[in-house]
Full PDB file with SEQRES, HELIX, SHEET, SSBOND, CRYST1, ORIGX, SCALE, CONECT and MASTER records, all heavy atoms in Angstrom:
SEQRES   1 A   38  PRO ASN GLY CYS GLY LYS SER ASN ILE MET ASP ALA VAL          
SEQRES   2 A   38  ARG TRP VAL LEU GLY GLU SER LYS ALA SER GLU LEU ARG          
SEQRES   3 A   38  GLY GLU SER MET GLN ASP VAL ILE PHE ASN GLY SER              
HELIX    1 AA1 LYS A    6  VAL A   16  1                                  11    
HELIX    2 AA2 ALA A   22  LEU A   25  5                                   4    
HELIX    3 AA3 MET A   30  VAL A   33  5                                   4    
CRYST1    1.000    1.000    1.000  90.00  90.00  90.00 P 1           1          
ORIGX1      1.000000  0.000000  0.000000        0.00000                         
ORIGX2      0.000000  1.000000  0.000000        0.00000                         
ORIGX3      0.000000  0.000000  1.000000        0.00000                         
SCALE1      1.000000  0.000000  0.000000        0.00000                         
SCALE2      0.000000  1.000000  0.000000        0.00000                         
SCALE3      0.000000  0.000000  1.000000        0.00000                         
ATOM      1  N   PRO A   1       0.872  -1.178  -0.026  1.00  0.00           N  
ATOM      2  CA  PRO A   1       0.035   0.038   0.024  1.00  0.00           C  
ATOM      3  C   PRO A   1       0.841   1.221   0.032  1.00  0.00           C  
ATOM      4  O   PRO A   1       2.135   1.099   0.101  1.00  0.00           O  
ATOM      5  CB  PRO A   1      -0.741  -0.196   1.312  1.00  0.00           C  
ATOM      6  CG  PRO A   1      -0.025  -0.891   2.163  1.00  0.00           C  
ATOM      7  CD  PRO A   1       0.845  -1.909   1.294  1.00  0.00           C  
ATOM      8  N   ASN A   2       0.206   2.391  -0.149  1.00  0.00           N  
ATOM      9  CA  ASN A   2       0.921   3.643  -0.222  1.00  0.00           C  
ATOM     10  C   ASN A   2       1.524   3.964   1.252  1.00  0.00           C  
ATOM     11  O   ASN A   2       0.834   3.766   2.195  1.00  0.00           O  
ATOM     12  CB  ASN A   2      -0.045   4.815  -0.592  1.00  0.00           C  
ATOM     13  CG  ASN A   2      -0.561   4.698  -1.982  1.00  0.00           C  
ATOM     14  OD1 ASN A   2       0.256   4.172  -2.756  1.00  0.00           O  
ATOM     15  ND2 ASN A   2      -1.611   5.252  -2.273  1.00  0.00           N  
ATOM     16  N   GLY A   3       2.777   4.453   1.258  1.00  0.00           N  
ATOM     17  CA  GLY A   3       3.460   4.715   2.451  1.00  0.00           C  
ATOM     18  C   GLY A   3       4.068   3.611   3.135  1.00  0.00           C  
ATOM     19  O   GLY A   3       4.582   3.658   4.245  1.00  0.00           O  
ATOM     20  N   CYS A   4       4.206   2.375   2.490  1.00  0.00           N  
ATOM     21  CA  CYS A   4       4.808   1.258   3.152  1.00  0.00           C  
ATOM     22  C   CYS A   4       6.397   1.187   2.916  1.00  0.00           C  
ATOM     23  O   CYS A   4       7.016   0.462   3.579  1.00  0.00           O  
ATOM     24  CB  CYS A   4       4.310  -0.037   2.615  1.00  0.00           C  
ATOM     25  SG  CYS A   4       4.624  -0.361   0.887  1.00  0.00           S  
ATOM     26  N   GLY A   5       6.939   2.092   2.094  1.00  0.00           N  
ATOM     27  CA  GLY A   5       8.300   2.170   1.921  1.00  0.00           C  
ATOM     28  C   GLY A   5       8.843   1.543   0.685  1.00  0.00           C  
ATOM     29  O   GLY A   5      10.126   1.296   0.598  1.00  0.00           O  
ATOM     30  N   LYS A   6       7.976   1.408  -0.435  1.00  0.00           N  
ATOM     31  CA  LYS A   6       8.425   0.787  -1.647  1.00  0.00           C  
ATOM     32  C   LYS A   6       9.530   1.769  -2.357  1.00  0.00           C  
ATOM     33  O   LYS A   6      10.618   1.267  -2.756  1.00  0.00           O  
ATOM     34  CB  LYS A   6       7.326   0.666  -2.578  1.00  0.00           C  
ATOM     35  CG  LYS A   6       6.230  -0.234  -2.053  1.00  0.00           C  
ATOM     36  CD  LYS A   6       5.173  -0.574  -3.175  1.00  0.00           C  
ATOM     37  CE  LYS A   6       4.447   0.724  -3.637  1.00  0.00           C  
ATOM     38  NZ  LYS A   6       3.709   1.330  -2.479  1.00  0.00           N  
ATOM     39  N   SER A   7       9.230   3.105  -2.396  1.00  0.00           N  
ATOM     40  CA  SER A   7      10.135   4.022  -2.980  1.00  0.00           C  
ATOM     41  C   SER A   7      11.385   4.197  -2.152  1.00  0.00           C  
ATOM     42  O   SER A   7      12.499   4.527  -2.657  1.00  0.00           O  
ATOM     43  CB  SER A   7       9.566   5.341  -3.042  1.00  0.00           C  
ATOM     44  OG  SER A   7       8.329   5.326  -3.890  1.00  0.00           O  
ATOM     45  N   ASN A   8      11.356   3.837  -0.871  1.00  0.00           N  
ATOM     46  CA  ASN A   8      12.646   3.961   0.065  1.00  0.00           C  
ATOM     47  C   ASN A   8      13.645   2.867  -0.448  1.00  0.00           C  
ATOM     48  O   ASN A   8      14.866   3.225  -0.308  1.00  0.00           O  
ATOM     49  CB  ASN A   8      12.304   3.657   1.389  1.00  0.00           C  
ATOM     50  CG  ASN A   8      11.374   4.884   2.055  1.00  0.00           C  
ATOM     51  OD1 ASN A   8      11.427   5.908   1.472  1.00  0.00           O  
ATOM     52  ND2 ASN A   8      10.681   4.564   3.138  1.00  0.00           N  
ATOM     53  N   ILE A   9      13.186   1.762  -1.089  1.00  0.00           N  
ATOM     54  CA  ILE A   9      14.140   0.808  -1.521  1.00  0.00           C  
ATOM     55  C   ILE A   9      14.920   1.366  -2.751  1.00  0.00           C  
ATOM     56  O   ILE A   9      16.200   1.214  -2.818  1.00  0.00           O  
ATOM     57  CB  ILE A   9      13.362  -0.474  -1.949  1.00  0.00           C  
ATOM     58  CG1 ILE A   9      12.666  -1.092  -0.707  1.00  0.00           C  
ATOM     59  CG2 ILE A   9      14.346  -1.506  -2.602  1.00  0.00           C  
ATOM     60  CD1 ILE A   9      11.843  -2.263  -1.062  1.00  0.00           C  
ATOM     61  N   MET A  10      14.220   2.025  -3.547  1.00  0.00           N  
ATOM     62  CA  MET A  10      14.879   2.673  -4.768  1.00  0.00           C  
ATOM     63  C   MET A  10      15.803   3.800  -4.266  1.00  0.00           C  
ATOM     64  O   MET A  10      16.987   3.915  -4.873  1.00  0.00           O  
ATOM     65  CB  MET A  10      13.815   3.239  -5.816  1.00  0.00           C  
ATOM     66  CG  MET A  10      14.391   3.692  -7.011  1.00  0.00           C  
ATOM     67  SD  MET A  10      15.203   2.243  -8.004  1.00  0.00           S  
ATOM     68  CE  MET A  10      13.703   1.304  -8.377  1.00  0.00           C  
ATOM     69  N   ASP A  11      15.410   4.511  -3.284  1.00  0.00           N  
ATOM     70  CA  ASP A  11      16.308   5.570  -2.737  1.00  0.00           C  
ATOM     71  C   ASP A  11      17.522   4.993  -2.139  1.00  0.00           C  
ATOM     72  O   ASP A  11      18.571   5.535  -2.190  1.00  0.00           O  
ATOM     73  CB  ASP A  11      15.499   6.469  -1.795  1.00  0.00           C  
ATOM     74  CG  ASP A  11      14.322   7.313  -2.349  1.00  0.00           C  
ATOM     75  OD1 ASP A  11      14.476   7.433  -3.568  1.00  0.00           O  
ATOM     76  OD2 ASP A  11      13.459   7.638  -1.531  1.00  0.00           O  
ATOM     77  N   ALA A  12      17.438   3.874  -1.468  1.00  0.00           N  
ATOM     78  CA  ALA A  12      18.535   3.257  -0.898  1.00  0.00           C  
ATOM     79  C   ALA A  12      19.524   2.772  -1.884  1.00  0.00           C  
ATOM     80  O   ALA A  12      20.780   2.983  -1.661  1.00  0.00           O  
ATOM     81  CB  ALA A  12      18.028   2.034  -0.067  1.00  0.00           C  
ATOM     82  N   VAL A  13      19.053   2.305  -3.094  1.00  0.00           N  
ATOM     83  CA  VAL A  13      19.985   1.892  -4.079  1.00  0.00           C  
ATOM     84  C   VAL A  13      20.724   3.090  -4.645  1.00  0.00           C  
ATOM     85  O   VAL A  13      21.929   3.011  -4.785  1.00  0.00           O  
ATOM     86  CB  VAL A  13      19.191   1.052  -5.230  1.00  0.00           C  
ATOM     87  CG1 VAL A  13      20.151   0.767  -6.354  1.00  0.00           C  
ATOM     88  CG2 VAL A  13      18.653  -0.191  -4.713  1.00  0.00           C  
ATOM     89  N   ARG A  14      20.017   4.126  -4.874  1.00  0.00           N  
ATOM     90  CA  ARG A  14      20.703   5.351  -5.501  1.00  0.00           C  
ATOM     91  C   ARG A  14      21.577   6.024  -4.436  1.00  0.00           C  
ATOM     92  O   ARG A  14      22.628   6.459  -4.765  1.00  0.00           O  
ATOM     93  CB  ARG A  14      19.568   6.353  -5.856  1.00  0.00           C  
ATOM     94  CG  ARG A  14      18.607   5.847  -6.951  1.00  0.00           C  
ATOM     95  CD  ARG A  14      17.517   6.834  -7.217  1.00  0.00           C  
ATOM     96  NE  ARG A  14      18.077   8.118  -7.755  1.00  0.00           N  
ATOM     97  CZ  ARG A  14      17.289   9.147  -7.908  1.00  0.00           C  
ATOM     98  NH1 ARG A  14      16.016   9.160  -7.804  1.00  0.00           N  
ATOM     99  NH2 ARG A  14      17.867  10.272  -8.348  1.00  0.00           N  
ATOM    100  N   TRP A  15      21.232   5.866  -3.140  1.00  0.00           N  
ATOM    101  CA  TRP A  15      22.019   6.511  -2.057  1.00  0.00           C  
ATOM    102  C   TRP A  15      23.468   5.659  -1.956  1.00  0.00           C  
ATOM    103  O   TRP A  15      24.376   6.331  -1.767  1.00  0.00           O  
ATOM    104  CB  TRP A  15      21.270   6.485  -0.761  1.00  0.00           C  
ATOM    105  CG  TRP A  15      21.978   7.090   0.435  1.00  0.00           C  
ATOM    106  CD1 TRP A  15      22.301   8.361   0.584  1.00  0.00           C  
ATOM    107  CD2 TRP A  15      22.628   6.332   1.522  1.00  0.00           C  
ATOM    108  NE1 TRP A  15      23.018   8.488   1.833  1.00  0.00           N  
ATOM    109  CE2 TRP A  15      23.149   7.344   2.406  1.00  0.00           C  
ATOM    110  CE3 TRP A  15      22.548   4.915   1.940  1.00  0.00           C  
ATOM    111  CZ2 TRP A  15      23.770   6.959   3.519  1.00  0.00           C  
ATOM    112  CZ3 TRP A  15      23.148   4.608   3.053  1.00  0.00           C  
ATOM    113  CH2 TRP A  15      23.769   5.567   3.823  1.00  0.00           C  
ATOM    114  N   VAL A  16      23.325   4.351  -1.899  1.00  0.00           N  
ATOM    115  CA  VAL A  16      24.545   3.717  -1.817  1.00  0.00           C  
ATOM    116  C   VAL A  16      25.386   3.685  -2.978  1.00  0.00           C  
ATOM    117  O   VAL A  16      26.714   3.511  -2.836  1.00  0.00           O  
ATOM    118  CB  VAL A  16      24.203   2.167  -1.448  1.00  0.00           C  
ATOM    119  CG1 VAL A  16      23.786   1.441  -2.666  1.00  0.00           C  
ATOM    120  CG2 VAL A  16      25.397   1.409  -0.927  1.00  0.00           C  
ATOM    121  N   LEU A  17      24.903   4.051  -4.183  1.00  0.00           N  
ATOM    122  CA  LEU A  17      25.808   4.161  -5.367  1.00  0.00           C  
ATOM    123  C   LEU A  17      26.376   5.669  -5.483  1.00  0.00           C  
ATOM    124  O   LEU A  17      27.068   5.821  -6.473  1.00  0.00           O  
ATOM    125  CB  LEU A  17      24.943   3.813  -6.542  1.00  0.00           C  
ATOM    126  CG  LEU A  17      24.480   2.435  -6.768  1.00  0.00           C  
ATOM    127  CD1 LEU A  17      23.638   2.306  -7.971  1.00  0.00           C  
ATOM    128  CD2 LEU A  17      25.815   1.504  -6.722  1.00  0.00           C  
ATOM    129  N   GLY A  18      26.219   6.443  -4.480  1.00  0.00           N  
ATOM    130  CA  GLY A  18      26.876   7.767  -4.413  1.00  0.00           C  
ATOM    131  C   GLY A  18      26.017   8.930  -4.547  1.00  0.00           C  
ATOM    132  O   GLY A  18      26.647  10.077  -4.649  1.00  0.00           O  
ATOM    133  N   GLU A  19      24.732   8.867  -4.337  1.00  0.00           N  
ATOM    134  CA  GLU A  19      23.880  10.115  -4.578  1.00  0.00           C  
ATOM    135  C   GLU A  19      24.279  10.954  -3.314  1.00  0.00           C  
ATOM    136  O   GLU A  19      24.208  10.505  -2.118  1.00  0.00           O  
ATOM    137  CB  GLU A  19      22.450   9.648  -4.361  1.00  0.00           C  
ATOM    138  CG  GLU A  19      21.461  10.834  -4.619  1.00  0.00           C  
ATOM    139  CD  GLU A  19      21.671  11.597  -5.859  1.00  0.00           C  
ATOM    140  OE1 GLU A  19      21.542  11.096  -7.023  1.00  0.00           O  
ATOM    141  OE2 GLU A  19      21.972  12.944  -5.744  1.00  0.00           O  
ATOM    142  N   SER A  20      24.566  12.292  -3.561  1.00  0.00           N  
ATOM    143  CA  SER A  20      24.883  13.249  -2.542  1.00  0.00           C  
ATOM    144  C   SER A  20      23.948  14.428  -2.477  1.00  0.00           C  
ATOM    145  O   SER A  20      24.136  15.204  -1.572  1.00  0.00           O  
ATOM    146  CB  SER A  20      26.336  13.800  -2.874  1.00  0.00           C  
ATOM    147  OG  SER A  20      26.430  14.422  -4.087  1.00  0.00           O  
ATOM    148  N   LYS A  21      22.969  14.418  -3.261  1.00  0.00           N  
ATOM    149  CA  LYS A  21      21.985  15.458  -3.223  1.00  0.00           C  
ATOM    150  C   LYS A  21      20.677  14.963  -2.499  1.00  0.00           C  
ATOM    151  O   LYS A  21      20.016  14.082  -2.846  1.00  0.00           O  
ATOM    152  CB  LYS A  21      21.535  15.911  -4.650  1.00  0.00           C  
ATOM    153  CG  LYS A  21      20.880  17.247  -4.656  1.00  0.00           C  
ATOM    154  CD  LYS A  21      20.629  17.640  -6.061  1.00  0.00           C  
ATOM    155  CE  LYS A  21      20.040  19.023  -6.172  1.00  0.00           C  
ATOM    156  NZ  LYS A  21      19.894  19.437  -7.599  1.00  0.00           N  
ATOM    157  N   ALA A  22      20.342  15.679  -1.266  1.00  0.00           N  
ATOM    158  CA  ALA A  22      19.315  15.207  -0.415  1.00  0.00           C  
ATOM    159  C   ALA A  22      17.986  15.320  -1.184  1.00  0.00           C  
ATOM    160  O   ALA A  22      17.015  14.561  -0.868  1.00  0.00           O  
ATOM    161  CB  ALA A  22      19.279  15.985   0.889  1.00  0.00           C  
ATOM    162  N   SER A  23      17.840  16.340  -1.997  1.00  0.00           N  
ATOM    163  CA  SER A  23      16.506  16.604  -2.711  1.00  0.00           C  
ATOM    164  C   SER A  23      16.154  15.491  -3.656  1.00  0.00           C  
ATOM    165  O   SER A  23      14.923  15.066  -3.860  1.00  0.00           O  
ATOM    166  CB  SER A  23      16.571  17.807  -3.472  1.00  0.00           C  
ATOM    167  OG  SER A  23      17.530  17.835  -4.456  1.00  0.00           O  
ATOM    168  N   GLU A  24      17.268  14.762  -4.224  1.00  0.00           N  
ATOM    169  CA  GLU A  24      16.896  13.539  -5.034  1.00  0.00           C  
ATOM    170  C   GLU A  24      16.508  12.415  -4.216  1.00  0.00           C  
ATOM    171  O   GLU A  24      15.860  11.399  -4.795  1.00  0.00           O  
ATOM    172  CB  GLU A  24      18.235  13.298  -5.799  1.00  0.00           C  
ATOM    173  CG  GLU A  24      18.686  14.224  -6.826  1.00  0.00           C  
ATOM    174  CD  GLU A  24      17.696  14.362  -7.971  1.00  0.00           C  
ATOM    175  OE1 GLU A  24      17.101  13.427  -8.210  1.00  0.00           O  
ATOM    176  OE2 GLU A  24      17.671  15.414  -8.492  1.00  0.00           O  
ATOM    177  N   LEU A  25      16.659  12.484  -2.980  1.00  0.00           N  
ATOM    178  CA  LEU A  25      16.172  11.313  -2.034  1.00  0.00           C  
ATOM    179  C   LEU A  25      15.007  11.781  -1.333  1.00  0.00           C  
ATOM    180  O   LEU A  25      14.696  11.141  -0.249  1.00  0.00           O  
ATOM    181  CB  LEU A  25      17.356  10.915  -1.115  1.00  0.00           C  
ATOM    182  CG  LEU A  25      18.661  10.427  -1.763  1.00  0.00           C  
ATOM    183  CD1 LEU A  25      19.748  10.251  -0.698  1.00  0.00           C  
ATOM    184  CD2 LEU A  25      18.349   9.213  -2.536  1.00  0.00           C  
ATOM    185  N   ARG A  26      14.352  12.839  -1.744  1.00  0.00           N  
ATOM    186  CA  ARG A  26      13.077  13.233  -1.073  1.00  0.00           C  
ATOM    187  C   ARG A  26      13.312  13.742   0.417  1.00  0.00           C  
ATOM    188  O   ARG A  26      12.570  13.383   1.298  1.00  0.00           O  
ATOM    189  CB  ARG A  26      11.968  12.267  -1.220  1.00  0.00           C  
ATOM    190  CG  ARG A  26      11.662  11.970  -2.523  1.00  0.00           C  
ATOM    191  CD  ARG A  26      10.575  10.712  -2.637  1.00  0.00           C  
ATOM    192  NE  ARG A  26      11.165   9.547  -2.004  1.00  0.00           N  
ATOM    193  CZ  ARG A  26      10.364   8.611  -1.397  1.00  0.00           C  
ATOM    194  NH1 ARG A  26       9.015   8.786  -1.469  1.00  0.00           N  
ATOM    195  NH2 ARG A  26      11.061   7.494  -0.861  1.00  0.00           N  
ATOM    196  N   GLY A  27      14.361  14.435   0.594  1.00  0.00           N  
ATOM    197  CA  GLY A  27      14.640  14.927   1.880  1.00  0.00           C  
ATOM    198  C   GLY A  27      15.322  16.376   1.980  1.00  0.00           C  
ATOM    199  O   GLY A  27      15.687  16.783   0.789  1.00  0.00           O  
ATOM    200  N   GLU A  28      15.444  16.971   3.004  1.00  0.00           N  
ATOM    201  CA  GLU A  28      16.002  18.254   3.063  1.00  0.00           C  
ATOM    202  C   GLU A  28      17.590  18.239   3.429  1.00  0.00           C  
ATOM    203  O   GLU A  28      18.182  19.089   3.055  1.00  0.00           O  
ATOM    204  CB  GLU A  28      15.266  19.220   4.193  1.00  0.00           C  
ATOM    205  CG  GLU A  28      13.780  19.503   3.855  1.00  0.00           C  
ATOM    206  CD  GLU A  28      13.118  20.274   5.005  1.00  0.00           C  
ATOM    207  OE1 GLU A  28      13.805  20.558   6.040  1.00  0.00           O  
ATOM    208  OE2 GLU A  28      12.004  20.591   4.734  1.00  0.00           O  
ATOM    209  N   SER A  29      17.931  17.253   4.197  1.00  0.00           N  
ATOM    210  CA  SER A  29      19.297  17.105   4.561  1.00  0.00           C  
ATOM    211  C   SER A  29      19.680  15.608   4.451  1.00  0.00           C  
ATOM    212  O   SER A  29      18.785  14.722   4.525  1.00  0.00           O  
ATOM    213  CB  SER A  29      19.743  17.697   5.862  1.00  0.00           C  
ATOM    214  OG  SER A  29      18.954  16.923   6.908  1.00  0.00           O  
ATOM    215  N   MET A  30      20.916  15.300   4.372  1.00  0.00           N  
ATOM    216  CA  MET A  30      21.314  13.913   4.282  1.00  0.00           C  
ATOM    217  C   MET A  30      21.008  13.160   5.369  1.00  0.00           C  
ATOM    218  O   MET A  30      20.889  11.889   5.377  1.00  0.00           O  
ATOM    219  CB  MET A  30      22.851  13.813   3.926  1.00  0.00           C  
ATOM    220  CG  MET A  30      23.321  12.567   3.408  1.00  0.00           C  
ATOM    221  SD  MET A  30      22.333  11.855   2.004  1.00  0.00           S  
ATOM    222  CE  MET A  30      22.824  12.957   0.610  1.00  0.00           C  
ATOM    223  N   GLN A  31      20.937  13.798   6.604  1.00  0.00           N  
ATOM    224  CA  GLN A  31      20.651  12.873   7.868  1.00  0.00           C  
ATOM    225  C   GLN A  31      19.179  12.619   7.824  1.00  0.00           C  
ATOM    226  O   GLN A  31      18.757  11.835   8.771  1.00  0.00           O  
ATOM    227  CB  GLN A  31      20.760  13.966   9.153  1.00  0.00           C  
ATOM    228  CG  GLN A  31      22.290  14.022   9.649  1.00  0.00           C  
ATOM    229  CD  GLN A  31      23.196  14.766   8.658  1.00  0.00           C  
ATOM    230  OE1 GLN A  31      22.721  15.575   7.926  1.00  0.00           O  
ATOM    231  NE2 GLN A  31      24.464  14.491   8.718  1.00  0.00           N  
ATOM    232  N   ASP A  32      18.331  13.124   6.907  1.00  0.00           N  
ATOM    233  CA  ASP A  32      17.001  12.648   6.899  1.00  0.00           C  
ATOM    234  C   ASP A  32      16.755  11.157   6.426  1.00  0.00           C  
ATOM    235  O   ASP A  32      15.832  10.597   6.683  1.00  0.00           O  
ATOM    236  CB  ASP A  32      16.087  13.575   5.906  1.00  0.00           C  
ATOM    237  CG  ASP A  32      16.036  14.921   6.447  1.00  0.00           C  
ATOM    238  OD1 ASP A  32      16.120  15.042   7.692  1.00  0.00           O  
ATOM    239  OD2 ASP A  32      15.629  15.861   5.633  1.00  0.00           O  
ATOM    240  N   VAL A  33      17.855  10.650   5.915  1.00  0.00           N  
ATOM    241  CA  VAL A  33      17.831   9.243   5.481  1.00  0.00           C  
ATOM    242  C   VAL A  33      17.928   8.232   6.638  1.00  0.00           C  
ATOM    243  O   VAL A  33      17.700   7.149   6.562  1.00  0.00           O  
ATOM    244  CB  VAL A  33      18.858   8.868   4.413  1.00  0.00           C  
ATOM    245  CG1 VAL A  33      18.679   9.786   3.225  1.00  0.00           C  
ATOM    246  CG2 VAL A  33      20.278   8.953   5.124  1.00  0.00           C  
ATOM    247  N   ILE A  34      18.318   8.778   7.838  1.00  0.00           N  
ATOM    248  CA  ILE A  34      18.434   7.966   9.087  1.00  0.00           C  
ATOM    249  C   ILE A  34      17.002   7.889   9.774  1.00  0.00           C  
ATOM    250  O   ILE A  34      16.401   8.882   9.821  1.00  0.00           O  
ATOM    251  CB  ILE A  34      19.444   8.542  10.012  1.00  0.00           C  
ATOM    252  CG1 ILE A  34      20.927   8.669   9.317  1.00  0.00           C  
ATOM    253  CG2 ILE A  34      19.564   7.796  11.242  1.00  0.00           C  
ATOM    254  CD1 ILE A  34      21.870   9.294  10.096  1.00  0.00           C  
ATOM    255  N   PHE A  35      16.675   6.637  10.195  1.00  0.00           N  
ATOM    256  CA  PHE A  35      15.413   6.427  10.892  1.00  0.00           C  
ATOM    257  C   PHE A  35      15.272   7.430  11.922  1.00  0.00           C  
ATOM    258  O   PHE A  35      16.107   7.504  12.872  1.00  0.00           O  
ATOM    259  CB  PHE A  35      15.375   5.001  11.352  1.00  0.00           C  
ATOM    260  CG  PHE A  35      14.035   4.750  12.096  1.00  0.00           C  
ATOM    261  CD1 PHE A  35      12.883   4.739  11.493  1.00  0.00           C  
ATOM    262  CD2 PHE A  35      14.114   4.426  13.527  1.00  0.00           C  
ATOM    263  CE1 PHE A  35      11.672   4.383  12.213  1.00  0.00           C  
ATOM    264  CE2 PHE A  35      12.974   4.275  14.263  1.00  0.00           C  
ATOM    265  CZ  PHE A  35      11.751   4.197  13.497  1.00  0.00           C  
ATOM    266  N   ASN A  36      14.192   8.319  11.969  1.00  0.00           N  
ATOM    267  CA  ASN A  36      13.955   9.399  12.915  1.00  0.00           C  
ATOM    268  C   ASN A  36      13.075   9.009  14.159  1.00  0.00           C  
ATOM    269  O   ASN A  36      12.843   9.923  14.972  1.00  0.00           O  
ATOM    270  CB  ASN A  36      13.319  10.559  12.142  1.00  0.00           C  
ATOM    271  CG  ASN A  36      13.534  11.871  12.818  1.00  0.00           C  
ATOM    272  OD1 ASN A  36      14.424  11.989  13.584  1.00  0.00           O  
ATOM    273  ND2 ASN A  36      12.621  12.861  12.632  1.00  0.00           N  
ATOM    274  N   GLY A  37      12.802   7.736  14.277  1.00  0.00           N  
ATOM    275  CA  GLY A  37      12.132   7.303  15.408  1.00  0.00           C  
ATOM    276  C   GLY A  37      10.544   7.268  15.310  1.00  0.00           C  
ATOM    277  O   GLY A  37      10.038   7.896  14.305  1.00  0.00           O  
ATOM    278  N   SER A  38       9.744   6.650  16.214  1.00  0.00           N  
ATOM    279  CA  SER A  38       8.463   6.644  16.202  1.00  0.00           C  
ATOM    280  C   SER A  38       7.940   6.588  17.634  1.00  0.00           C  
ATOM    281  O   SER A  38       8.658   6.841  18.633  1.00  0.00           O  
ATOM    282  CB  SER A  38       7.967   5.312  15.462  1.00  0.00           C  
ATOM    283  OG  SER A  38       8.323   4.211  16.266  1.00  0.00           O  
TER     284      SER A  38                                                      
MASTER        0    0    0    3    0    0    0    6  283    1    0    3          
END                                                                             
């Protein structure tokens, strides 16, 4: 379903291959890719 994290898998692949721009990973800063708690 929507919001379950499917796009996060694609973001993870792009991130590990060297993506350095946070906006391409749908975030404001690179620290946004770290789990922010619940």
